[in-house]
Amino acid sequence: MEDTKEKKRAVEANRIIGYLILALLSLVAFGLGGSTYMNIFLMFGFIFSLAIFTFSTDKIDKAKATDLLKYAIPLIVVGIFGSLSNFWITYPGNSISGDFISLFGVLSFFVLGYGIKKCKDIKIEWVIFAILGGLALLVLISTIYGLSRYGFFYLTKYANNTYFYDGVYYSIGSEMKLLDGFKFSEVTIRYGSVYAFMLAASLLTLLFIDLKKNPIMFWVILGEGLIGLLSFVALGNFKPLVYLIPVIILALCIRFIKFNPKFDKKEAITGWVFFGIFAILLLIVFINAIGGVNYFKNIRFIRTLFNNQFLLLPINQIINATFVDSATNALKPLSILFGMNSAAHTSWGSSSNPVQLNSINPNAMEFIMLYEGGILAFLGLCAFFLFVIWGIRKWLREADGVTAVKAFVAIFMFAWVVYMSFNSSVFPYIREKAAYVSPFRRNGLFYLFIFFAGYSATPFWKKKEAGAIQGEHAAKHQEAAKEGSSNEISL
């Protein structure tokens, strides 16, 4: 009798924790209170991550826990060096306690993602609705406020117009209005567009939803996704939509290409070739930037390709400032390992006037991690992305095939990486140019990415393929394959 009551209490507690996690994720997506309140959400994330396993009715499998720990090793490296690095210790307004909250917050959201599978009373669809709902509310309020100030299509209509505020002229076409905490702020278009971009990208999930079988999910994602897409149209903000192209390509590949359940040698060779090419290109970027363009000055192709102004100029400046002292041209071991202060300078390109890094607004988040946490944090982030890619690749081939939930997770995570790899903005405030905002620390979308990484975590190093169909799953897989065979291309 007592055992029955204890189980009922555990089930009820598990359900309550699940609903609290829904509320937490929605508030993180909405950004309630801005970056100032994010530490509070991280602390709740830590508490809930412990509670969801404490009150779980399922026993914790030690083998699975070990696999999860191995999968999270790169993320642990990112958390330690990204949170406790020299950059954050010396950066104004931060403290050691805040650094540890950031560290445990990163790991907690990963554990939350994994633990939400054990919460049987909370469907993952509800989690998706809560996250998209928070993003949609943020975008809707910000868009309405922006339109109330300048009207429809103002980013295009007034692209060359300026206004005068507090003794300074500002360009109307280069800023957006964003609900930032409990006030509206003027932010760069790159920074303010990411929330609408994530909503617009979620519309691609509709390719995987059967309207007759799952009408609620279809209409909710359609409605909330359209808020993001219509925000771009209403503001006349079309440039960020270019970054939807690779996301669309990924969604179409997942939807219409049916991959073999087992990985063959051709696929493995192709993956390693792409990895090798990427590693070589990355090595050239580092050598070029550290050497101040001197190593490849006589090779015109490399000089032209790796010294372009659009993406690689700030990357080169960040790498050079991280590795080389602008005054003595000597290597800086502490900066290389732990990141640097935002007041650091770079003389990249043999400039006679070294550039202070707090005046650079880099696009690529991966190299921002190098700036913030040092080389180990950078390598940890790259390794974590690779783990996620390999894990999701295997996850999509499991017995139940590609479901709408799996497609949403893959699209959401890929969309965030694509946007932040090409369109980050660490100095987003137009009127507070020195205010630094990390794409990782106290950034809600980063923690949502980590959450979905935990939810989709799959140990790709196992010999037994996740896509191998055996036993009771065989019939289910074959039935799903027949349903989708008419509009899939087999490889």
Protein backbone atom coordinates (compact mmCIF):
# COMPACT_ATOMS: atom_id res chain seq x y z
CA MET A 1 0.00 0.00 0.00
CA GLU A 2 2.77 2.38 0.96
CA ASP A 3 4.64 1.53 -2.25
CA THR A 4 1.55 2.41 -4.28
CA LYS A 5 1.19 5.78 -2.56
CA GLU A 6 4.89 6.46 -3.04
CA LYS A 7 4.61 5.73 -6.75
CA LYS A 8 1.59 8.03 -7.06
CA ARG A 9 3.52 10.82 -5.35
CA ALA A 10 6.46 10.27 -7.70
CA VAL A 11 4.17 10.35 -10.75
CA GLU A 12 2.48 13.56 -9.54
CA ALA A 13 5.81 15.19 -8.75
CA ASN A 14 7.13 14.17 -12.16
CA ARG A 15 4.10 15.75 -13.82
CA ILE A 16 4.51 19.01 -11.87
CA ILE A 17 8.20 19.19 -12.74
CA GLY A 18 7.29 18.66 -16.39
CA TYR A 19 4.86 21.59 -16.40
CA LEU A 20 7.43 23.78 -14.65
CA ILE A 21 9.96 22.91 -17.35
CA LEU A 22 7.41 23.93 -19.99
CA ALA A 23 7.00 27.30 -18.30
CA LEU A 24 10.78 27.71 -17.95
CA LEU A 25 11.46 27.01 -21.63
CA SER A 26 8.71 29.39 -22.69
CA LEU A 27 10.12 32.20 -20.52
CA VAL A 28 13.65 31.55 -21.80
CA ALA A 29 12.38 31.75 -25.40
CA PHE A 30 10.50 34.96 -24.63
CA GLY A 31 13.51 36.41 -22.81
CA LEU A 32 11.56 37.68 -19.82
CA GLY A 33 13.65 40.27 -18.01
CA GLY A 34 16.36 40.23 -20.67
CA SER A 35 19.88 38.92 -20.09
CA THR A 36 19.75 40.19 -16.49
CA TYR A 37 17.16 37.56 -15.54
CA MET A 38 18.82 34.72 -17.46
CA ASN A 39 20.89 33.65 -14.43
CA ILE A 40 17.64 33.11 -12.52
CA PHE A 41 16.35 30.83 -15.28
CA LEU A 42 19.67 28.96 -15.28
CA MET A 43 19.35 28.32 -11.56
CA PHE A 44 15.83 26.98 -12.04
CA GLY A 45 17.15 24.87 -14.91
CA PHE A 46 19.71 23.35 -12.57
CA ILE A 47 17.06 22.59 -9.93
CA PHE A 48 14.64 21.08 -12.45
CA SER A 49 17.38 18.97 -14.05
CA LEU A 50 17.99 17.36 -10.65
CA ALA A 51 14.30 17.06 -9.84
CA ILE A 52 13.26 15.39 -13.10
CA PHE A 53 15.54 12.44 -12.32
CA THR A 54 14.89 12.45 -8.59
CA PHE A 55 11.13 12.00 -9.06
CA SER A 56 11.36 9.86 -12.19
CA THR A 57 9.54 6.54 -12.02
CA ASP A 58 12.09 4.99 -14.40
CA LYS A 59 15.36 3.63 -13.12
CA ILE A 60 18.48 5.39 -14.38
CA ASP A 61 20.42 3.10 -16.69
CA LYS A 62 24.11 3.41 -15.79
CA ALA A 63 25.21 2.49 -19.31
CA LYS A 64 23.03 5.23 -20.82
CA ALA A 65 24.24 7.72 -18.22
CA THR A 66 27.84 6.89 -19.15
CA ASP A 67 27.07 7.35 -22.85
CA LEU A 68 25.40 10.69 -22.13
CA LEU A 69 28.47 11.83 -20.18
CA LYS A 70 30.77 10.89 -23.06
CA TYR A 71 28.49 12.70 -25.51
CA ALA A 72 28.62 15.82 -23.34
CA ILE A 73 32.42 15.97 -22.92
CA PRO A 74 32.90 18.72 -25.58
CA LEU A 75 30.02 20.69 -24.02
CA ILE A 76 31.64 20.38 -20.58
CA VAL A 77 34.85 21.83 -22.05
CA VAL A 78 32.84 24.69 -23.59
CA GLY A 79 31.06 25.32 -20.30
CA ILE A 80 34.24 25.38 -18.20
CA PHE A 81 36.39 27.53 -20.47
CA GLY A 82 33.54 29.64 -21.86
CA SER A 83 32.23 30.50 -18.41
CA LEU A 84 35.37 30.59 -16.23
CA SER A 85 37.79 32.06 -18.75
CA ASN A 86 40.03 35.08 -18.36
CA PHE A 87 37.67 37.09 -20.57
CA TRP A 88 34.72 36.80 -18.21
CA ILE A 89 36.72 37.18 -15.00
CA THR A 90 38.09 40.54 -16.18
CA TYR A 91 34.99 41.74 -18.01
CA PRO A 92 33.10 44.52 -16.14
CA GLY A 93 29.83 43.55 -14.51
CA ASN A 94 30.56 39.86 -14.10
CA SER A 95 31.48 37.83 -11.05
CA ILE A 96 32.79 34.40 -10.13
CA SER A 97 29.34 33.38 -8.85
CA GLY A 98 27.78 34.39 -12.17
CA ASP A 99 30.44 32.40 -14.02
CA PHE A 100 29.59 29.22 -12.09
CA ILE A 101 25.87 29.80 -12.65
CA SER A 102 26.59 30.03 -16.37
CA LEU A 103 28.65 26.82 -16.27
CA PHE A 104 26.00 24.77 -14.46
CA GLY A 105 23.26 26.39 -16.54
CA VAL A 106 24.76 25.12 -19.80
CA LEU A 107 25.04 21.57 -18.45
CA SER A 108 21.60 21.73 -16.81
CA PHE A 109 19.76 22.53 -20.03
CA PHE A 110 21.50 19.63 -21.73
CA VAL A 111 20.35 17.32 -18.91
CA LEU A 112 16.84 18.84 -19.09
CA GLY A 113 16.63 17.93 -22.78
CA TYR A 114 17.63 14.35 -22.05
CA GLY A 115 15.42 14.13 -18.96
CA ILE A 116 12.26 15.40 -20.67
CA LYS A 117 12.07 11.99 -22.41
CA LYS A 118 11.54 10.38 -19.01
CA CYS A 119 8.65 12.69 -18.19
CA LYS A 120 5.83 10.62 -19.68
CA ASP A 121 3.12 13.12 -18.76
CA ILE A 122 4.63 15.89 -20.91
CA LYS A 123 4.67 15.40 -24.66
CA ILE A 124 7.57 16.86 -26.62
CA GLU A 125 5.01 18.57 -28.88
CA TRP A 126 3.98 20.68 -25.89
CA VAL A 127 7.60 21.70 -25.40
CA ILE A 128 7.78 22.77 -29.04
CA PHE A 129 4.57 24.79 -28.70
CA ALA A 130 5.86 26.48 -25.53
CA ILE A 131 9.17 27.49 -27.13
CA LEU A 132 7.61 28.74 -30.36
CA GLY A 133 4.92 30.54 -28.34
CA GLY A 134 7.54 32.45 -26.36
CA LEU A 135 9.43 33.40 -29.52
CA ALA A 136 6.23 34.37 -31.33
CA LEU A 137 5.09 36.65 -28.49
CA LEU A 138 8.48 38.38 -28.41
CA VAL A 139 8.52 38.91 -32.18
CA LEU A 140 4.89 40.04 -32.29
CA ILE A 141 5.29 42.68 -29.57
CA SER A 142 8.58 43.97 -31.02
CA THR A 143 7.16 44.12 -34.55
CA ILE A 144 4.02 45.97 -33.51
CA TYR A 145 6.11 48.51 -31.59
CA GLY A 146 8.44 49.04 -34.54
CA LEU A 147 5.53 49.52 -36.93
CA SER A 148 3.87 51.98 -34.57
CA ARG A 149 6.99 54.16 -34.77
CA TYR A 150 7.72 54.14 -38.49
CA GLY A 151 5.00 52.18 -40.31
CA PHE A 152 5.17 49.23 -42.66
CA PHE A 153 8.37 48.44 -44.61
CA TYR A 154 10.32 51.13 -42.77
CA LEU A 155 13.66 49.33 -43.00
CA THR A 156 13.40 49.57 -46.79
CA LYS A 157 11.41 52.78 -47.09
CA TYR A 158 13.67 54.81 -44.76
CA ALA A 159 16.94 52.99 -45.44
CA ASN A 160 18.78 56.27 -46.08
CA ASN A 161 16.96 58.41 -43.52
CA THR A 162 18.34 59.51 -40.15
CA TYR A 163 16.97 60.88 -36.90
CA PHE A 164 18.55 63.02 -34.19
CA TYR A 165 18.71 61.76 -30.60
CA ASP A 166 20.75 63.05 -27.67
CA GLY A 167 23.14 64.96 -29.89
CA VAL A 168 23.78 62.08 -32.29
CA TYR A 169 22.39 61.15 -35.72
CA TYR A 170 21.16 57.56 -36.15
CA SER A 171 20.13 55.70 -39.29
CA ILE A 172 16.52 54.46 -39.29
CA GLY A 173 17.30 51.70 -41.78
CA SER A 174 20.06 50.15 -39.67
CA GLU A 175 18.17 49.46 -36.45
CA MET A 176 15.22 47.43 -35.15
CA LYS A 177 13.02 47.75 -32.10
CA LEU A 178 13.26 44.81 -29.73
CA LEU A 179 11.58 44.08 -26.41
CA ASP A 180 14.64 43.72 -24.21
CA GLY A 181 13.59 42.76 -20.71
CA PHE A 182 11.05 45.33 -19.61
CA LYS A 183 11.92 48.02 -22.12
CA PHE A 184 12.28 48.47 -25.87
CA SER A 185 15.78 48.88 -27.22
CA GLU A 186 17.20 49.89 -30.58
CA VAL A 187 19.34 46.97 -31.78
CA THR A 188 21.20 46.02 -34.93
CA ILE A 189 19.20 44.21 -37.60
CA ARG A 190 21.53 41.21 -37.34
CA TYR A 191 20.78 40.84 -33.63
CA GLY A 192 17.06 41.55 -33.73
CA SER A 193 16.22 39.31 -36.69
CA VAL A 194 17.27 35.99 -35.20
CA TYR A 195 14.01 35.42 -33.30
CA ALA A 196 11.81 35.93 -36.36
CA PHE A 197 14.27 33.82 -38.35
CA MET A 198 13.84 30.86 -36.00
CA LEU A 199 10.06 31.10 -36.31
CA ALA A 200 10.22 31.29 -40.09
CA ALA A 201 12.56 28.28 -40.21
CA SER A 202 10.11 26.25 -38.10
CA LEU A 203 7.59 26.45 -40.96
CA LEU A 204 9.67 23.85 -42.79
CA THR A 205 8.47 21.31 -40.22
CA LEU A 206 5.10 21.38 -41.99
CA LEU A 207 6.67 19.17 -44.67
CA PHE A 208 6.69 16.35 -42.14
CA ILE A 209 3.24 16.76 -40.56
CA ASP A 210 0.12 14.97 -41.75
CA LEU A 211 -2.70 17.48 -41.38
CA LYS A 212 -5.31 14.75 -40.91
CA LYS A 213 -3.36 12.83 -38.25
CA ASN A 214 -1.88 15.76 -36.34
CA PRO A 215 -3.92 18.91 -37.07
CA ILE A 216 -3.05 20.66 -33.78
CA MET A 217 0.68 20.54 -34.37
CA PHE A 218 0.21 21.60 -38.00
CA TRP A 219 -1.87 24.67 -37.24
CA VAL A 220 0.14 25.76 -34.18
CA ILE A 221 3.45 25.66 -36.05
CA LEU A 222 1.86 27.32 -39.08
CA GLY A 223 0.42 30.16 -36.99
CA GLU A 224 3.51 30.80 -34.88
CA GLY A 225 5.89 30.38 -37.81
CA LEU A 226 3.93 32.87 -39.91
CA ILE A 227 4.38 35.50 -37.21
CA GLY A 228 8.12 35.34 -37.85
CA LEU A 229 7.78 35.36 -41.63
CA LEU A 230 5.25 38.21 -41.63
CA SER A 231 7.55 40.20 -39.34
CA PHE A 232 10.22 40.18 -42.04
CA VAL A 233 7.68 41.26 -44.65
CA ALA A 234 6.03 43.96 -42.52
CA LEU A 235 9.35 45.57 -41.58
CA GLY A 236 10.81 45.28 -45.07
CA ASN A 237 13.64 43.18 -43.63
CA PHE A 238 14.49 40.69 -46.37
CA LYS A 239 18.27 40.22 -46.21
CA PRO A 240 18.26 37.72 -43.28
CA LEU A 241 15.95 35.44 -45.28
CA VAL A 242 18.94 34.51 -47.45
CA TYR A 243 20.15 32.31 -44.57
CA LEU A 244 16.99 30.22 -44.91
CA ILE A 245 18.36 28.72 -48.14
CA PRO A 246 20.67 26.14 -46.49
CA VAL A 247 17.92 25.35 -43.95
CA ILE A 248 15.44 24.71 -46.78
CA ILE A 249 17.97 22.45 -48.51
CA LEU A 250 18.44 20.43 -45.31
CA ALA A 251 14.67 20.09 -44.78
CA LEU A 252 14.14 18.91 -48.37
CA CYS A 253 16.96 16.37 -48.05
CA ILE A 254 15.50 14.95 -44.84
CA ARG A 255 11.99 14.85 -46.32
CA PHE A 256 12.55 13.47 -49.80
CA ILE A 257 15.77 11.46 -49.59
CA LYS A 258 15.47 8.08 -47.95
CA PHE A 259 18.86 7.01 -46.64
CA ASN A 260 19.82 3.42 -46.02
CA PRO A 261 19.33 2.35 -42.39
CA LYS A 262 22.94 1.25 -42.11
CA PHE A 263 25.88 3.55 -42.82
CA ASP A 264 27.94 2.37 -45.78
CA LYS A 265 31.59 2.99 -46.57
CA LYS A 266 30.83 5.59 -49.26
CA GLU A 267 28.95 7.73 -46.77
CA ALA A 268 31.73 7.39 -44.19
CA ILE A 269 34.40 8.31 -46.75
CA THR A 270 32.38 11.31 -47.93
CA GLY A 271 32.00 12.52 -44.35
CA TRP A 272 35.71 12.21 -43.59
CA VAL A 273 36.61 13.99 -46.85
CA PHE A 274 34.40 16.96 -45.96
CA PHE A 275 35.84 16.95 -42.45
CA GLY A 276 39.40 16.94 -43.83
CA ILE A 277 38.67 19.81 -46.22
CA PHE A 278 37.10 21.83 -43.41
CA ALA A 279 40.08 21.17 -41.11
CA ILE A 280 42.57 22.27 -43.81
CA LEU A 281 40.63 25.46 -44.52
CA LEU A 282 40.43 26.21 -40.80
CA LEU A 283 44.17 25.67 -40.43
CA ILE A 284 44.87 28.07 -43.30
CA VAL A 285 42.61 30.68 -41.69
CA PHE A 286 44.53 30.43 -38.39
CA ILE A 287 47.98 30.51 -40.05
CA ASN A 288 46.96 33.45 -42.21
CA ALA A 289 45.51 35.43 -39.31
CA ILE A 290 48.33 34.72 -36.84
CA GLY A 291 50.95 35.65 -39.41
CA GLY A 292 49.29 38.94 -40.25
CA VAL A 293 48.76 37.91 -43.94
CA ASN A 294 52.53 37.60 -44.40
CA TYR A 295 52.70 33.80 -44.84
CA PHE A 296 50.51 33.78 -47.96
CA LYS A 297 51.17 37.24 -49.34
CA ASN A 298 52.66 35.80 -52.55
CA ILE A 299 49.80 33.34 -53.15
CA ARG A 300 47.13 35.52 -54.72
CA PHE A 301 44.26 33.01 -54.50
CA ILE A 302 44.73 32.35 -50.78
CA ARG A 303 45.33 36.03 -50.06
CA THR A 304 42.12 37.02 -51.86
CA LEU A 305 39.97 34.21 -50.44
CA PHE A 306 41.05 34.43 -46.80
CA ASN A 307 41.32 38.21 -46.48
CA ASN A 308 37.85 39.20 -47.67
CA GLN A 309 36.01 41.98 -45.86
CA PHE A 310 32.60 40.37 -45.40
CA LEU A 311 33.21 37.49 -43.00
CA LEU A 312 36.92 36.90 -42.55
CA LEU A 313 38.13 40.40 -41.64
CA PRO A 314 36.72 40.29 -38.07
CA ILE A 315 37.69 36.61 -37.80
CA ASN A 316 41.27 37.40 -38.75
CA GLN A 317 41.35 40.27 -36.28
CA ILE A 318 40.00 38.09 -33.46
CA ILE A 319 42.46 35.24 -34.13
CA ASN A 320 45.37 37.65 -34.39
CA ALA A 321 44.46 39.47 -31.18
CA THR A 322 43.97 36.16 -29.34
CA PHE A 323 47.34 34.74 -30.34
CA VAL A 324 49.61 37.75 -30.92
CA ASP A 325 50.51 40.82 -28.86
CA SER A 326 49.95 43.85 -31.11
CA ALA A 327 52.92 45.72 -29.61
CA THR A 328 55.61 43.01 -29.55
CA ASN A 329 54.26 40.45 -32.07
CA ALA A 330 54.92 37.74 -29.45
CA LEU A 331 52.51 34.89 -28.74
CA LYS A 332 50.21 35.27 -25.71
CA PRO A 333 49.88 31.86 -23.97
CA LEU A 334 47.29 32.98 -21.40
CA SER A 335 45.12 34.63 -24.03
CA ILE A 336 45.37 31.56 -26.26
CA LEU A 337 44.21 29.27 -23.46
CA PHE A 338 41.66 31.44 -21.66
CA GLY A 339 40.49 34.19 -24.00
CA MET A 340 41.04 37.89 -23.69
CA ASN A 341 39.75 41.16 -22.36
CA SER A 342 37.51 43.20 -24.65
CA ALA A 343 40.04 46.06 -24.54
CA ALA A 344 42.66 43.99 -26.40
CA HIS A 345 44.09 45.34 -29.66
CA THR A 346 45.04 43.76 -32.97
CA SER A 347 47.44 44.99 -35.64
CA TRP A 348 46.24 42.44 -38.19
CA GLY A 349 47.08 43.44 -41.75
CA SER A 350 50.14 45.45 -40.64
CA SER A 351 47.91 48.30 -39.56
CA SER A 352 49.75 51.30 -38.15
CA ASN A 353 46.78 51.93 -35.86
CA PRO A 354 45.90 48.78 -33.87
CA VAL A 355 42.15 48.12 -33.68
CA GLN A 356 40.52 47.66 -30.28
CA LEU A 357 38.40 44.50 -30.25
CA ASN A 358 35.43 46.14 -28.56
CA SER A 359 34.96 48.11 -31.79
CA ILE A 360 34.68 44.89 -33.84
CA ASN A 361 31.25 43.34 -34.30
CA PRO A 362 32.12 39.84 -35.62
CA ASN A 363 29.68 37.67 -37.55
CA ALA A 364 30.83 34.13 -36.71
CA MET A 365 29.90 32.82 -33.26
CA GLU A 366 32.52 30.04 -33.34
CA PHE A 367 35.32 32.61 -33.35
CA ILE A 368 33.54 34.67 -30.75
CA MET A 369 33.95 31.62 -28.53
CA LEU A 370 37.69 31.74 -29.30
CA TYR A 371 37.71 35.36 -28.19
CA GLU A 372 35.72 34.65 -25.04
CA GLY A 373 37.07 31.30 -23.87
CA GLY A 374 40.33 30.57 -25.68
CA ILE A 375 41.39 27.82 -28.04
CA LEU A 376 40.07 24.92 -25.93
CA ALA A 377 36.59 26.46 -25.76
CA PHE A 378 36.71 26.99 -29.53
CA LEU A 379 37.76 23.41 -30.23
CA GLY A 380 35.20 22.14 -27.71
CA LEU A 381 32.42 24.02 -29.50
CA CYS A 382 33.48 22.67 -32.90
CA ALA A 383 33.69 19.13 -31.46
CA PHE A 384 30.25 19.50 -29.87
CA PHE A 385 28.75 20.56 -33.20
CA LEU A 386 30.29 17.47 -34.80
CA PHE A 387 28.89 15.25 -32.04
CA VAL A 388 25.44 16.77 -32.56
CA ILE A 389 25.64 16.26 -36.34
CA TRP A 390 26.70 12.62 -35.99
CA GLY A 391 24.17 12.02 -33.22
CA ILE A 392 21.22 13.51 -35.11
CA ARG A 393 22.24 11.68 -38.28
CA LYS A 394 21.95 8.41 -36.37
CA TRP A 395 18.84 9.55 -34.46
CA LEU A 396 16.97 10.21 -37.70
CA ARG A 397 17.60 6.62 -38.79
CA GLU A 398 16.14 4.97 -35.73
CA ALA A 399 13.26 2.53 -35.98
CA ASP A 400 10.49 5.12 -35.95
CA GLY A 401 12.06 6.98 -38.88
CA VAL A 402 11.86 10.73 -39.46
CA THR A 403 8.97 12.09 -37.41
CA ALA A 404 7.73 15.67 -37.26
CA VAL A 405 9.37 16.13 -33.86
CA LYS A 406 12.74 14.89 -35.09
CA ALA A 407 12.49 17.12 -38.15
CA PHE A 408 11.65 20.15 -36.02
CA VAL A 409 14.60 19.55 -33.68
CA ALA A 410 17.05 19.11 -36.57
CA ILE A 411 15.73 22.18 -38.42
CA PHE A 412 15.63 24.38 -35.30
CA MET A 413 19.19 23.53 -34.29
CA PHE A 414 20.59 23.85 -37.81
CA ALA A 415 18.81 27.18 -38.40
CA TRP A 416 20.33 28.66 -35.23
CA VAL A 417 23.84 27.49 -36.14
CA VAL A 418 23.58 28.82 -39.70
CA TYR A 419 22.29 32.22 -38.62
CA MET A 420 24.75 32.71 -35.77
CA SER A 421 27.70 31.47 -37.84
CA PHE A 422 27.16 34.20 -40.43
CA ASN A 423 25.09 36.90 -38.74
CA SER A 424 26.06 37.23 -35.07
CA SER A 425 26.22 40.63 -33.39
CA VAL A 426 27.99 41.04 -30.03
CA PHE A 427 27.57 44.82 -29.82
CA PRO A 428 23.87 44.99 -30.71
CA TYR A 429 22.72 48.13 -28.94
CA ILE A 430 22.68 51.13 -31.25
CA ARG A 431 22.80 53.75 -28.49
CA GLU A 432 25.02 51.78 -26.11
CA LYS A 433 27.82 50.81 -28.46
CA ALA A 434 30.10 49.45 -25.72
CA ALA A 435 27.49 47.03 -24.28
CA TYR A 436 28.68 43.50 -25.04
CA VAL A 437 26.16 40.66 -25.52
CA SER A 438 27.58 37.16 -25.89
CA PRO A 439 25.86 34.70 -28.27
CA PHE A 440 26.45 32.05 -25.57
CA ARG A 441 26.38 33.50 -22.09
CA ARG A 442 22.89 34.58 -20.93
CA ASN A 443 21.53 33.98 -24.42
CA GLY A 444 18.19 32.18 -24.45
CA LEU A 445 18.46 30.67 -27.94
CA PHE A 446 21.82 29.10 -27.08
CA TYR A 447 20.28 27.33 -24.07
CA LEU A 448 17.37 26.13 -26.22
CA PHE A 449 19.91 24.73 -28.68
CA ILE A 450 21.61 22.92 -25.79
CA PHE A 451 18.21 21.62 -24.61
CA PHE A 452 17.45 20.06 -28.00
CA ALA A 453 21.01 18.71 -28.17
CA GLY A 454 20.27 16.84 -24.94
CA TYR A 455 16.90 15.64 -26.21
CA SER A 456 18.39 14.26 -29.44
CA ALA A 457 21.62 12.94 -27.86
CA THR A 458 22.48 9.62 -29.50
CA PRO A 459 25.74 7.72 -28.93
CA PHE A 460 26.99 7.47 -32.50
CA TRP A 461 30.05 5.41 -31.54
CA LYS A 462 28.01 2.29 -30.75
CA LYS A 463 28.70 -0.69 -33.04
CA LYS A 464 25.01 -1.53 -33.18
CA GLU A 465 23.47 0.89 -35.64
CA ALA A 466 20.48 2.88 -34.43
CA GLY A 467 18.98 2.42 -37.89
CA ALA A 468 19.16 -1.37 -37.82
CA ILE A 469 15.61 -2.55 -37.74
CA GLN A 470 15.09 -5.53 -35.52
CA GLY A 471 12.34 -7.39 -33.69
CA GLU A 472 9.19 -5.52 -32.91
CA HIS A 473 10.26 -2.36 -34.77
CA ALA A 474 10.61 -4.03 -38.17
CA ALA A 475 6.91 -3.98 -39.08
CA LYS A 476 6.53 -0.38 -37.96
CA HIS A 477 9.48 0.75 -40.04
CA GLN A 478 8.33 -1.11 -43.13
CA GLU A 479 4.85 0.41 -42.87
CA ALA A 480 6.31 3.91 -42.55
CA ALA A 481 8.60 3.23 -45.50
CA LYS A 482 5.64 2.19 -47.69
CA GLU A 483 3.71 5.34 -46.81
CA GLY A 484 6.60 7.60 -47.79
CA SER A 485 7.95 5.61 -50.73
CA SER A 486 5.92 7.54 -53.29
CA ASN A 487 7.67 10.84 -52.61
CA GLU A 488 11.14 9.75 -51.47
CA ILE A 489 14.37 9.27 -53.37
CA SER A 490 16.34 6.25 -52.20
CA LEU A 491 20.09 6.36 -51.77
